[in-house]
Amino acid sequence: MKKLIGPFAKVFGGLFAVGVFVIIISLSYSALGRVFPGSLFDQAAGLLLFDISALVWFMQFVGGSRSVSQYVYSGLGFLLGLLGSIGLVGIEVGISSGMLIAEEMTKPLSYIFIGAAVGHLMVLYAFHGSEPAISAEISLGVEKAKVHDEGMRQAEEMLKRDMAQLGREISLRLVDDVKRDLRLPGQVIDLPALPMDDSLHVPSNGYSTQEQAASFFENPKEWISQRLGKKQSGKTPEDGEVAWVEDLNGNRVRVYCLKCMRAGKEWRTPEPCQHVQNAIGEPMRPMSTGYASTVAGASIPDEAGGGSTATEPASKPNTESAS
């Protein structure tokens, strides 16, 4: 029996639902025809806002909702349409029984239509806005807006805190620009570069050109002899092995260093080596005609102390030079 009753129950249940829906639509349409006679638009609007909307929102509640919010909004839409349908049925029954007058229901029912239309429109937007993908985008956009607002607020606070300093820097820059334009004293004025005298130029590859005395920990004997004014012996270079000149600033410029030559290092470049820096004595002569002429005319003794590697000696190295 259950196997037979089950299919019949489904069929009769479906027919009953369809019959009830047809009866409600018929009564609603009759009530709308009494209230708005000859106005097809008002009659169709009443059916759409109440009877048809209740059916549509019920279907959305059953199979069209994907989030809790959509279930809530579709349920609200269904209740709104259901209440409207019941109201239209009640109006039809009241007019048929003589309890209500059709002409008197025109104005209040028009207001009810407006309220129902606004309610369905709000529920419709809320339902589609509650779609999971759209809702996630909206939530992310809200959080980004909050971060942006917080950044703007912090930037305003920083500007307010540093306003005096920033204004002072801008004012100083503006004043400097004005003074430069007016060529007032004390300001740097752009001028064309002037040619330099190569004789005063001392090239440097990172070596210090300042005369430095040996410290006590580097060479205790030399430090003591420098303090006592005695001549060095032993580890100091032999006479004639180190020669240098001085530029106009008093910085030492190497002419040659035989110690560096025997060690396989650069020995005729102008950068002073440690032997030149630590040497005691007088330079060859003031650097008046340039480093090139000084080196070209320098007499360079050989390792044994005799001979010269320069063809036209301009001066002999100081024989009292020491490292």
C-alpha atoms as a PDB file:
ATOM      1  CA  MET A   1       0.000   0.000   0.000  1.00  0.00           C
ATOM      2  CA  LYS A   2       2.773   2.410   0.886  1.00  0.00           C
ATOM      3  CA  LYS A   3       4.313   1.909  -2.535  1.00  0.00           C
ATOM      4  CA  LEU A   4       1.001   2.842  -4.162  1.00  0.00           C
ATOM      5  CA  ILE A   5       0.113   5.692  -1.796  1.00  0.00           C
ATOM      6  CA  GLY A   6       3.517   7.376  -2.166  1.00  0.00           C
ATOM      7  CA  PRO A   7       3.225   8.263  -5.883  1.00  0.00           C
ATOM      8  CA  PHE A   8      -0.459   9.253  -5.501  1.00  0.00           C
ATOM      9  CA  ALA A   9       0.433  11.477  -2.565  1.00  0.00           C
ATOM     10  CA  LYS A  10       3.010  13.312  -4.646  1.00  0.00           C
ATOM     11  CA  VAL A  11       0.622  13.763  -7.557  1.00  0.00           C
ATOM     12  CA  PHE A  12      -2.333  14.915  -5.422  1.00  0.00           C
ATOM     13  CA  GLY A  13      -0.038  17.104  -3.331  1.00  0.00           C
ATOM     14  CA  GLY A  14       1.216  18.846  -6.442  1.00  0.00           C
ATOM     15  CA  LEU A  15      -2.287  19.304  -7.813  1.00  0.00           C
ATOM     16  CA  PHE A  16      -3.461  20.699  -4.483  1.00  0.00           C
ATOM     17  CA  ALA A  17      -0.629  23.230  -4.394  1.00  0.00           C
ATOM     18  CA  VAL A  18      -1.362  24.313  -7.941  1.00  0.00           C
ATOM     19  CA  GLY A  19      -5.093  24.622  -7.145  1.00  0.00           C
ATOM     20  CA  VAL A  20      -4.466  26.737  -4.076  1.00  0.00           C
ATOM     21  CA  PHE A  21      -2.102  28.970  -6.016  1.00  0.00           C
ATOM     22  CA  VAL A  22      -4.677  29.387  -8.826  1.00  0.00           C
ATOM     23  CA  ILE A  23      -7.436  30.230  -6.331  1.00  0.00           C
ATOM     24  CA  ILE A  24      -5.263  32.831  -4.576  1.00  0.00           C
ATOM     25  CA  ILE A  25      -4.269  34.422  -7.887  1.00  0.00           C
ATOM     26  CA  SER A  26      -7.905  34.460  -8.981  1.00  0.00           C
ATOM     27  CA  LEU A  27      -9.118  36.121  -5.799  1.00  0.00           C
ATOM     28  CA  SER A  28      -6.261  38.610  -5.901  1.00  0.00           C
ATOM     29  CA  TYR A  29      -6.977  39.449  -9.520  1.00  0.00           C
ATOM     30  CA  SER A  30     -10.672  39.883  -8.728  1.00  0.00           C
ATOM     31  CA  ALA A  31      -9.863  42.212  -5.826  1.00  0.00           C
ATOM     32  CA  LEU A  32      -7.506  44.236  -7.999  1.00  0.00           C
ATOM     33  CA  GLY A  33     -10.152  44.441 -10.732  1.00  0.00           C
ATOM     34  CA  ARG A  34     -12.677  45.834  -8.236  1.00  0.00           C
ATOM     35  CA  VAL A  35     -10.251  48.385  -6.801  1.00  0.00           C
ATOM     36  CA  PHE A  36      -8.598  49.365 -10.116  1.00  0.00           C
ATOM     37  CA  PRO A  37     -11.253  48.736 -12.775  1.00  0.00           C
ATOM     38  CA  GLY A  38      -9.984  49.223 -16.305  1.00  0.00           C
ATOM     39  CA  SER A  39      -6.326  49.571 -15.202  1.00  0.00           C
ATOM     40  CA  LEU A  40      -4.417  46.567 -16.466  1.00  0.00           C
ATOM     41  CA  PHE A  41      -1.079  47.926 -15.215  1.00  0.00           C
ATOM     42  CA  ASP A  42      -2.257  48.242 -11.599  1.00  0.00           C
ATOM     43  CA  GLN A  43      -3.768  44.753 -11.689  1.00  0.00           C
ATOM     44  CA  ALA A  44      -0.539  43.222 -13.065  1.00  0.00           C
ATOM     45  CA  ALA A  45       1.526  45.167 -10.514  1.00  0.00           C
ATOM     46  CA  GLY A  46      -0.552  43.770  -7.649  1.00  0.00           C
ATOM     47  CA  LEU A  47      -0.139  40.180  -8.862  1.00  0.00           C
ATOM     48  CA  LEU A  48       3.619  40.674  -9.376  1.00  0.00           C
ATOM     49  CA  LEU A  49       4.249  42.324  -5.998  1.00  0.00           C
ATOM     50  CA  PHE A  50       2.289  39.799  -3.954  1.00  0.00           C
ATOM     51  CA  ASP A  51       1.317  36.443  -5.465  1.00  0.00           C
ATOM     52  CA  ILE A  52       4.110  35.959  -7.990  1.00  0.00           C
ATOM     53  CA  SER A  53       6.762  37.432  -5.659  1.00  0.00           C
ATOM     54  CA  ALA A  54       5.833  34.964  -2.928  1.00  0.00           C
ATOM     55  CA  LEU A  55       6.315  32.049  -5.346  1.00  0.00           C
ATOM     56  CA  VAL A  56       9.648  33.417  -6.671  1.00  0.00           C
ATOM     57  CA  TRP A  57      11.112  34.084  -3.230  1.00  0.00           C
ATOM     58  CA  PHE A  58      10.023  30.625  -2.061  1.00  0.00           C
ATOM     59  CA  MET A  59      11.893  29.033  -4.966  1.00  0.00           C
ATOM     60  CA  GLN A  60      14.971  31.180  -4.178  1.00  0.00           C
ATOM     61  CA  PHE A  61      14.779  30.099  -0.540  1.00  0.00           C
ATOM     62  CA  VAL A  62      14.623  26.419  -1.470  1.00  0.00           C
ATOM     63  CA  GLY A  63      17.150  26.186  -4.287  1.00  0.00           C
ATOM     64  CA  GLY A  64      18.742  29.555  -4.975  1.00  0.00           C
ATOM     65  CA  SER A  65      20.376  30.585  -1.687  1.00  0.00           C
ATOM     66  CA  ARG A  66      24.109  30.015  -1.177  1.00  0.00           C
ATOM     67  CA  SER A  67      24.723  31.825   2.087  1.00  0.00           C
ATOM     68  CA  VAL A  68      22.976  32.447   5.383  1.00  0.00           C
ATOM     69  CA  SER A  69      22.264  36.031   4.410  1.00  0.00           C
ATOM     70  CA  GLN A  70      20.587  34.923   1.189  1.00  0.00           C
ATOM     71  CA  TYR A  71      18.350  32.530   3.141  1.00  0.00           C
ATOM     72  CA  VAL A  72      17.344  35.392   5.393  1.00  0.00           C
ATOM     73  CA  TYR A  73      16.619  37.841   2.557  1.00  0.00           C
ATOM     74  CA  SER A  74      14.711  35.299   0.454  1.00  0.00           C
ATOM     75  CA  GLY A  75      12.645  34.417   3.527  1.00  0.00           C
ATOM     76  CA  LEU A  76      11.829  38.099   4.062  1.00  0.00           C
ATOM     77  CA  GLY A  77      10.779  38.441   0.408  1.00  0.00           C
ATOM     78  CA  PHE A  78       8.541  35.387   0.680  1.00  0.00           C
ATOM     79  CA  LEU A  79       6.825  36.736   3.821  1.00  0.00           C
ATOM     80  CA  LEU A  80       6.297  40.123   2.165  1.00  0.00           C
ATOM     81  CA  GLY A  81       4.641  38.551  -0.893  1.00  0.00           C
ATOM     82  CA  LEU A  82       2.590  36.135   1.241  1.00  0.00           C
ATOM     83  CA  LEU A  83       1.222  38.929   3.427  1.00  0.00           C
ATOM     84  CA  GLY A  84       0.290  40.887   0.294  1.00  0.00           C
ATOM     85  CA  SER A  85      -1.544  37.886  -1.166  1.00  0.00           C
ATOM     86  CA  ILE A  86      -3.472  37.328   2.060  1.00  0.00           C
ATOM     87  CA  GLY A  87      -4.356  41.014   2.117  1.00  0.00           C
ATOM     88  CA  LEU A  88      -5.726  40.913  -1.434  1.00  0.00           C
ATOM     89  CA  VAL A  89      -7.794  37.821  -0.624  1.00  0.00           C
ATOM     90  CA  GLY A  90      -9.182  39.592   2.453  1.00  0.00           C
ATOM     91  CA  ILE A  91     -10.072  42.671   0.363  1.00  0.00           C
ATOM     92  CA  GLU A  92     -11.908  40.517  -2.172  1.00  0.00           C
ATOM     93  CA  VAL A  93     -13.835  38.706   0.553  1.00  0.00           C
ATOM     94  CA  GLY A  94     -14.698  41.995   2.299  1.00  0.00           C
ATOM     95  CA  ILE A  95     -15.919  43.621  -0.922  1.00  0.00           C
ATOM     96  CA  SER A  96     -17.951  40.526  -1.862  1.00  0.00           C
ATOM     97  CA  SER A  97     -19.615  40.444   1.564  1.00  0.00           C
ATOM     98  CA  GLY A  98     -20.332  44.176   1.559  1.00  0.00           C
ATOM     99  CA  MET A  99     -18.026  44.941   4.488  1.00  0.00           C
ATOM    100  CA  LEU A 100     -15.683  46.999   2.315  1.00  0.00           C
ATOM    101  CA  ILE A 101     -16.335  49.464  -0.499  1.00  0.00           C
ATOM    102  CA  ALA A 102     -14.103  49.074  -3.550  1.00  0.00           C
ATOM    103  CA  GLU A 103     -13.775  52.823  -4.172  1.00  0.00           C
ATOM    104  CA  GLU A 104     -12.579  53.434  -0.631  1.00  0.00           C
ATOM    105  CA  MET A 105      -9.769  50.846  -1.000  1.00  0.00           C
ATOM    106  CA  THR A 106      -8.115  52.558  -3.977  1.00  0.00           C
ATOM    107  CA  LYS A 107      -6.011  55.060  -2.043  1.00  0.00           C
ATOM    108  CA  PRO A 108      -4.726  52.792   0.801  1.00  0.00           C
ATOM    109  CA  LEU A 109      -3.998  49.968  -1.622  1.00  0.00           C
ATOM    110  CA  SER A 110      -1.919  52.351  -3.783  1.00  0.00           C
ATOM    111  CA  TYR A 111       0.235  53.170  -0.742  1.00  0.00           C
ATOM    112  CA  ILE A 112       0.575  49.447  -0.003  1.00  0.00           C
ATOM    113  CA  PHE A 113       1.784  48.884  -3.573  1.00  0.00           C
ATOM    114  CA  ILE A 114       4.479  51.537  -3.160  1.00  0.00           C
ATOM    115  CA  GLY A 115       5.652  50.050   0.157  1.00  0.00           C
ATOM    116  CA  ALA A 116       5.704  46.515  -1.268  1.00  0.00           C
ATOM    117  CA  ALA A 117       7.667  47.646  -4.340  1.00  0.00           C
ATOM    118  CA  VAL A 118      10.287  49.407  -2.194  1.00  0.00           C
ATOM    119  CA  GLY A 119      10.499  46.391   0.137  1.00  0.00           C
ATOM    120  CA  HIS A 120      10.994  43.907  -2.703  1.00  0.00           C
ATOM    121  CA  LEU A 121      13.619  46.160  -4.334  1.00  0.00           C
ATOM    122  CA  MET A 122      15.672  46.381  -1.123  1.00  0.00           C
ATOM    123  CA  VAL A 123      15.407  42.624  -0.507  1.00  0.00           C
ATOM    124  CA  LEU A 124      16.405  41.924  -4.120  1.00  0.00           C
ATOM    125  CA  TYR A 125      19.587  44.043  -3.900  1.00  0.00           C
ATOM    126  CA  ALA A 126      20.444  42.585  -0.505  1.00  0.00           C
ATOM    127  CA  PHE A 127      19.928  39.036  -1.794  1.00  0.00           C
ATOM    128  CA  HIS A 128      22.298  39.449  -4.752  1.00  0.00           C
ATOM    129  CA  GLY A 129      24.778  41.426  -2.647  1.00  0.00           C
ATOM    130  CA  SER A 130      24.946  38.453  -0.273  1.00  0.00           C
ATOM    131  CA  GLU A 131      26.351  36.207  -2.998  1.00  0.00           C
ATOM    132  CA  PRO A 132      29.534  34.667  -1.506  1.00  0.00           C
ATOM    133  CA  ALA A 133      31.854  35.976  -4.229  1.00  0.00           C
ATOM    134  CA  ILE A 134      30.337  39.454  -4.217  1.00  0.00           C
ATOM    135  CA  SER A 135      30.202  39.514  -0.428  1.00  0.00           C
ATOM    136  CA  ALA A 136      33.904  38.602  -0.226  1.00  0.00           C
ATOM    137  CA  GLU A 137      34.810  41.399  -2.633  1.00  0.00           C
ATOM    138  CA  ILE A 138      32.727  43.863  -0.654  1.00  0.00           C
ATOM    139  CA  SER A 139      34.321  42.796   2.649  1.00  0.00           C
ATOM    140  CA  LEU A 140      37.826  43.029   1.173  1.00  0.00           C
ATOM    141  CA  GLY A 141      37.047  46.443  -0.264  1.00  0.00           C
ATOM    142  CA  VAL A 142      35.807  47.636   3.115  1.00  0.00           C
ATOM    143  CA  GLU A 143      39.000  46.464   4.821  1.00  0.00           C
ATOM    144  CA  LYS A 144      41.144  48.184   2.168  1.00  0.00           C
ATOM    145  CA  ALA A 145      39.165  51.367   2.690  1.00  0.00           C
ATOM    146  CA  LYS A 146      39.775  51.139   6.439  1.00  0.00           C
ATOM    147  CA  VAL A 147      43.526  50.697   5.893  1.00  0.00           C
ATOM    148  CA  HIS A 148      43.583  53.647   3.502  1.00  0.00           C
ATOM    149  CA  ASP A 149      41.678  55.814   5.964  1.00  0.00           C
ATOM    150  CA  GLU A 150      44.078  54.833   8.754  1.00  0.00           C
ATOM    151  CA  GLY A 151      47.067  55.680   6.547  1.00  0.00           C
ATOM    152  CA  MET A 152      45.588  59.072   5.714  1.00  0.00           C
ATOM    153  CA  ARG A 153      44.942  59.749   9.381  1.00  0.00           C
ATOM    154  CA  GLN A 154      48.518  58.856  10.371  1.00  0.00           C
ATOM    155  CA  ALA A 155      49.889  60.960   7.494  1.00  0.00           C
ATOM    156  CA  GLU A 156      47.874  63.947   8.696  1.00  0.00           C
ATOM    157  CA  GLU A 157      49.185  63.479  12.225  1.00  0.00           C
ATOM    158  CA  MET A 158      52.788  63.296  10.965  1.00  0.00           C
ATOM    159  CA  LEU A 159      52.327  66.424   8.868  1.00  0.00           C
ATOM    160  CA  LYS A 160      50.811  68.279  11.798  1.00  0.00           C
ATOM    161  CA  ARG A 161      53.681  67.201  14.052  1.00  0.00           C
ATOM    162  CA  ASP A 162      56.404  68.114  11.531  1.00  0.00           C
ATOM    163  CA  MET A 163      54.654  71.108  10.005  1.00  0.00           C
ATOM    164  CA  ALA A 164      56.975  73.663  11.604  1.00  0.00           C
ATOM    165  CA  GLN A 165      60.133  71.842  10.525  1.00  0.00           C
ATOM    166  CA  LEU A 166      58.864  71.226   6.984  1.00  0.00           C
ATOM    167  CA  GLY A 167      57.806  74.837   6.644  1.00  0.00           C
ATOM    168  CA  ARG A 168      61.201  76.014   7.872  1.00  0.00           C
ATOM    169  CA  GLU A 169      63.025  73.841   5.344  1.00  0.00           C
ATOM    170  CA  ILE A 170      60.835  75.073   2.507  1.00  0.00           C
ATOM    171  CA  SER A 171      61.266  78.685   3.575  1.00  0.00           C
ATOM    172  CA  LEU A 172      65.047  78.316   3.712  1.00  0.00           C
ATOM    173  CA  ARG A 173      65.065  76.789   0.262  1.00  0.00           C
ATOM    174  CA  LEU A 174      62.925  79.610  -1.105  1.00  0.00           C
ATOM    175  CA  VAL A 175      65.168  82.222   0.505  1.00  0.00           C
ATOM    176  CA  ASP A 176      68.266  80.541  -0.953  1.00  0.00           C
ATOM    177  CA  ASP A 177      66.673  80.543  -4.401  1.00  0.00           C
ATOM    178  CA  VAL A 178      65.869  84.250  -4.107  1.00  0.00           C
ATOM    179  CA  LYS A 179      69.383  85.094  -2.920  1.00  0.00           C
ATOM    180  CA  ARG A 180      70.914  83.068  -5.722  1.00  0.00           C
ATOM    181  CA  ASP A 181      68.725  84.802  -8.291  1.00  0.00           C
ATOM    182  CA  LEU A 182      69.682  88.208  -6.868  1.00  0.00           C
ATOM    183  CA  ARG A 183      73.358  87.186  -6.528  1.00  0.00           C
ATOM    184  CA  LEU A 184      73.509  88.357  -2.944  1.00  0.00           C
ATOM    185  CA  PRO A 185      76.748  87.969  -0.896  1.00  0.00           C
ATOM    186  CA  GLY A 186      77.321  84.732   0.935  1.00  0.00           C
ATOM    187  CA  GLN A 187      75.639  82.570  -1.684  1.00  0.00           C
ATOM    188  CA  VAL A 188      77.230  80.108  -4.090  1.00  0.00           C
ATOM    189  CA  ILE A 189      77.033  81.396  -7.657  1.00  0.00           C
ATOM    190  CA  ASP A 190      77.512  79.074 -10.583  1.00  0.00           C
ATOM    191  CA  LEU A 191      80.683  80.097 -12.420  1.00  0.00           C
ATOM    192  CA  PRO A 192      82.567  78.465 -15.305  1.00  0.00           C
ATOM    193  CA  ALA A 193      85.373  76.117 -14.309  1.00  0.00           C
ATOM    194  CA  LEU A 194      88.886  77.610 -14.504  1.00  0.00           C
ATOM    195  CA  PRO A 195      91.937  75.706 -15.803  1.00  0.00           C
ATOM    196  CA  MET A 196      94.115  74.123 -13.133  1.00  0.00           C
ATOM    197  CA  ASP A 197      97.896  74.239 -12.839  1.00  0.00           C
ATOM    198  CA  ASP A 198      99.146  70.697 -13.305  1.00  0.00           C
ATOM    199  CA  SER A 199     102.321  71.554 -11.406  1.00  0.00           C
ATOM    200  CA  LEU A 200     100.268  71.855  -8.227  1.00  0.00           C
ATOM    201  CA  HIS A 201      98.395  68.616  -8.765  1.00  0.00           C
ATOM    202  CA  VAL A 202      99.552  65.650  -6.756  1.00  0.00           C
ATOM    203  CA  PRO A 203      97.889  62.433  -8.000  1.00  0.00           C
ATOM    204  CA  SER A 204      96.859  59.980  -5.339  1.00  0.00           C
ATOM    205  CA  ASN A 205      95.758  56.360  -5.460  1.00  0.00           C
ATOM    206  CA  GLY A 206      94.672  56.156  -1.868  1.00  0.00           C
ATOM    207  CA  TYR A 207      98.023  56.716  -0.162  1.00  0.00           C
ATOM    208  CA  SER A 208      98.164  59.359   2.509  1.00  0.00           C
ATOM    209  CA  THR A 209     100.199  62.426   1.479  1.00  0.00           C
ATOM    210  CA  GLN A 210     100.503  63.800   5.007  1.00  0.00           C
ATOM    211  CA  GLU A 211     103.804  63.373   6.773  1.00  0.00           C
ATOM    212  CA  GLN A 212     103.369  60.854   9.547  1.00  0.00           C
ATOM    213  CA  ALA A 213     105.891  59.919  12.184  1.00  0.00           C
ATOM    214  CA  ALA A 214     106.188  56.309  13.260  1.00  0.00           C
ATOM    215  CA  SER A 215     104.339  55.480  16.478  1.00  0.00           C
ATOM    216  CA  PHE A 216     106.031  53.863  19.458  1.00  0.00           C
ATOM    217  CA  PHE A 217     104.365  50.485  18.815  1.00  0.00           C
ATOM    218  CA  GLU A 218     105.293  50.433  15.120  1.00  0.00           C
ATOM    219  CA  ASN A 219     108.970  51.333  15.579  1.00  0.00           C
ATOM    220  CA  PRO A 220     110.040  52.003  19.154  1.00  0.00           C
ATOM    221  CA  LYS A 221     113.679  52.743  18.218  1.00  0.00           C
ATOM    222  CA  GLU A 222     112.700  55.290  15.579  1.00  0.00           C
ATOM    223  CA  TRP A 223     110.184  56.916  17.925  1.00  0.00           C
ATOM    224  CA  ILE A 224     112.828  57.289  20.654  1.00  0.00           C
ATOM    225  CA  SER A 225     115.442  58.648  18.267  1.00  0.00           C
ATOM    226  CA  GLN A 226     112.937  61.167  16.879  1.00  0.00           C
ATOM    227  CA  ARG A 227     112.189  62.379  20.379  1.00  0.00           C
ATOM    228  CA  LEU A 228     115.890  62.605  21.308  1.00  0.00           C
ATOM    229  CA  GLY A 229     116.925  64.158  17.979  1.00  0.00           C
ATOM    230  CA  LYS A 230     119.427  61.420  17.196  1.00  0.00           C
ATOM    231  CA  LYS A 231     120.257  60.029  13.787  1.00  0.00           C
ATOM    232  CA  GLN A 232     118.702  56.669  12.930  1.00  0.00           C
ATOM    233  CA  SER A 233     120.724  53.633  11.987  1.00  0.00           C
ATOM    234  CA  GLY A 234     120.062  49.942  11.386  1.00  0.00           C
ATOM    235  CA  LYS A 235     116.604  49.614   9.786  1.00  0.00           C
ATOM    236  CA  THR A 236     116.560  53.052   8.165  1.00  0.00           C
ATOM    237  CA  PRO A 237     117.213  53.262   4.390  1.00  0.00           C
ATOM    238  CA  GLU A 238     120.796  53.995   3.354  1.00  0.00           C
ATOM    239  CA  ASP A 239     121.729  57.489   2.203  1.00  0.00           C
ATOM    240  CA  GLY A 240     120.394  58.210  -1.276  1.00  0.00           C
ATOM    241  CA  GLU A 241     117.841  55.353  -1.325  1.00  0.00           C
ATOM    242  CA  VAL A 242     114.795  57.590  -0.696  1.00  0.00           C
ATOM    243  CA  ALA A 243     114.145  60.945  -2.362  1.00  0.00           C
ATOM    244  CA  TRP A 244     111.067  63.138  -2.292  1.00  0.00           C
ATOM    245  CA  VAL A 245     109.856  66.656  -2.947  1.00  0.00           C
ATOM    246  CA  GLU A 246     107.154  68.705  -1.255  1.00  0.00           C
ATOM    247  CA  ASP A 247     104.244  70.479  -2.869  1.00  0.00           C
ATOM    248  CA  LEU A 248     103.087  73.949  -1.878  1.00  0.00           C
ATOM    249  CA  ASN A 249     101.003  72.489   0.943  1.00  0.00           C
ATOM    250  CA  GLY A 250     103.975  70.697   2.489  1.00  0.00           C
ATOM    251  CA  ASN A 251     102.818  67.221   1.455  1.00  0.00           C
ATOM    252  CA  ARG A 252     105.495  64.741   0.413  1.00  0.00           C
ATOM    253  CA  VAL A 253     105.638  63.516  -3.181  1.00  0.00           C
ATOM    254  CA  ARG A 254     107.914  60.597  -3.954  1.00  0.00           C
ATOM    255  CA  VAL A 255     110.671  60.974  -6.561  1.00  0.00           C
ATOM    256  CA  TYR A 256     112.028  57.446  -6.147  1.00  0.00           C
ATOM    257  CA  CYS A 257     112.484  54.745  -3.504  1.00  0.00           C
ATOM    258  CA  LEU A 258     115.080  52.043  -4.095  1.00  0.00           C
ATOM    259  CA  LYS A 259     113.686  50.017  -1.206  1.00  0.00           C
ATOM    260  CA  CYS A 260     110.383  49.689  -3.053  1.00  0.00           C
ATOM    261  CA  MET A 261     112.244  48.907  -6.290  1.00  0.00           C
ATOM    262  CA  ARG A 262     114.068  45.967  -4.707  1.00  0.00           C
ATOM    263  CA  ALA A 263     110.750  44.771  -3.230  1.00  0.00           C
ATOM    264  CA  GLY A 264     109.183  44.734  -6.703  1.00  0.00           C
ATOM    265  CA  LYS A 265     106.753  47.567  -5.967  1.00  0.00           C
ATOM    266  CA  GLU A 266     106.044  50.883  -7.667  1.00  0.00           C
ATOM    267  CA  TRP A 267     109.056  53.068  -6.833  1.00  0.00           C
ATOM    268  CA  ARG A 268     108.820  56.169  -9.090  1.00  0.00           C
ATOM    269  CA  THR A 269     105.132  57.049  -8.781  1.00  0.00           C
ATOM    270  CA  PRO A 270     104.281  60.271  -6.913  1.00  0.00           C
ATOM    271  CA  GLU A 271     102.277  58.484  -4.223  1.00  0.00           C
ATOM    272  CA  PRO A 272     104.537  58.447  -1.135  1.00  0.00           C
ATOM    273  CA  CYS A 273     105.349  55.022   0.235  1.00  0.00           C
ATOM    274  CA  GLN A 274     105.940  54.243   3.898  1.00  0.00           C
ATOM    275  CA  HIS A 275     109.691  54.806   3.461  1.00  0.00           C
ATOM    276  CA  VAL A 276     109.014  58.326   2.153  1.00  0.00           C
ATOM    277  CA  GLN A 277     106.548  59.040   4.906  1.00  0.00           C
ATOM    278  CA  ASN A 278     108.977  57.955   7.644  1.00  0.00           C
ATOM    279  CA  ALA A 279     112.061  59.520   6.084  1.00  0.00           C
ATOM    280  CA  ILE A 280     113.927  62.225   8.024  1.00  0.00           C
ATOM    281  CA  GLY A 281     115.718  65.008   6.228  1.00  0.00           C
ATOM    282  CA  GLU A 282     115.128  67.655   3.630  1.00  0.00           C
ATOM    283  CA  PRO A 283     113.327  67.242   0.289  1.00  0.00           C
ATOM    284  CA  MET A 284     115.246  67.519  -2.959  1.00  0.00           C
ATOM    285  CA  ARG A 285     113.857  70.958  -3.836  1.00  0.00           C
ATOM    286  CA  PRO A 286     110.504  72.807  -3.835  1.00  0.00           C
ATOM    287  CA  MET A 287     108.016  71.560  -6.384  1.00  0.00           C
ATOM    288  CA  SER A 288     107.986  74.624  -8.632  1.00  0.00           C
ATOM    289  CA  THR A 289     108.022  73.243 -12.155  1.00  0.00           C
ATOM    290  CA  GLY A 290     105.915  70.144 -11.644  1.00  0.00           C
ATOM    291  CA  TYR A 291     106.483  66.560 -10.703  1.00  0.00           C
ATOM    292  CA  ALA A 292     107.397  65.447 -14.210  1.00  0.00           C
ATOM    293  CA  SER A 293     110.349  67.809 -14.582  1.00  0.00           C
ATOM    294  CA  THR A 294     111.597  66.964 -11.101  1.00  0.00           C
ATOM    295  CA  VAL A 295     111.592  63.233 -11.747  1.00  0.00           C
ATOM    296  CA  ALA A 296     113.116  63.620 -15.183  1.00  0.00           C
ATOM    297  CA  GLY A 297     116.055  65.554 -13.777  1.00  0.00           C
ATOM    298  CA  ALA A 298     116.592  63.507 -10.636  1.00  0.00           C
ATOM    299  CA  SER A 299     119.858  61.613 -10.190  1.00  0.00           C
ATOM    300  CA  ILE A 300     119.043  58.104  -9.063  1.00  0.00           C
ATOM    301  CA  PRO A 301     121.943  56.095  -7.594  1.00  0.00           C
ATOM    302  CA  ASP A 302     122.164  52.417  -8.233  1.00  0.00           C
ATOM    303  CA  GLU A 303     122.072  49.785  -5.551  1.00  0.00           C
ATOM    304  CA  ALA A 304     125.820  50.005  -5.005  1.00  0.00           C
ATOM    305  CA  GLY A 305     125.672  53.776  -4.618  1.00  0.00           C
ATOM    306  CA  GLY A 306     127.243  54.711  -7.935  1.00  0.00           C
ATOM    307  CA  GLY A 307     126.037  55.643 -11.406  1.00  0.00           C
ATOM    308  CA  SER A 308     122.703  57.196 -12.372  1.00  0.00           C
ATOM    309  CA  THR A 309     119.619  56.091 -14.268  1.00  0.00           C
ATOM    310  CA  ALA A 310     118.767  59.659 -15.357  1.00  0.00           C
ATOM    311  CA  THR A 311     120.503  61.231 -18.337  1.00  0.00           C
ATOM    312  CA  GLU A 312     120.397  64.890 -17.267  1.00  0.00           C
ATOM    313  CA  PRO A 313     120.402  65.137 -13.502  1.00  0.00           C
ATOM    314  CA  ALA A 314     118.872  68.323 -12.177  1.00  0.00           C
ATOM    315  CA  SER A 315     119.888  67.765  -8.574  1.00  0.00           C
ATOM    316  CA  LYS A 316     121.343  65.044  -6.486  1.00  0.00           C
ATOM    317  CA  PRO A 317     119.258  63.354  -3.830  1.00  0.00           C
ATOM    318  CA  ASN A 318     119.842  64.458  -0.301  1.00  0.00           C
ATOM    319  CA  THR A 319     122.496  62.236   1.199  1.00  0.00           C
ATOM    320  CA  GLU A 320     121.100  62.820   4.669  1.00  0.00           C
ATOM    321  CA  SER A 321     117.723  61.240   3.828  1.00  0.00           C
ATOM    322  CA  ALA A 322     116.605  58.439   6.071  1.00  0.00           C
ATOM    323  CA  SER A 323     113.547  56.302   6.272  1.00  0.00           C
END
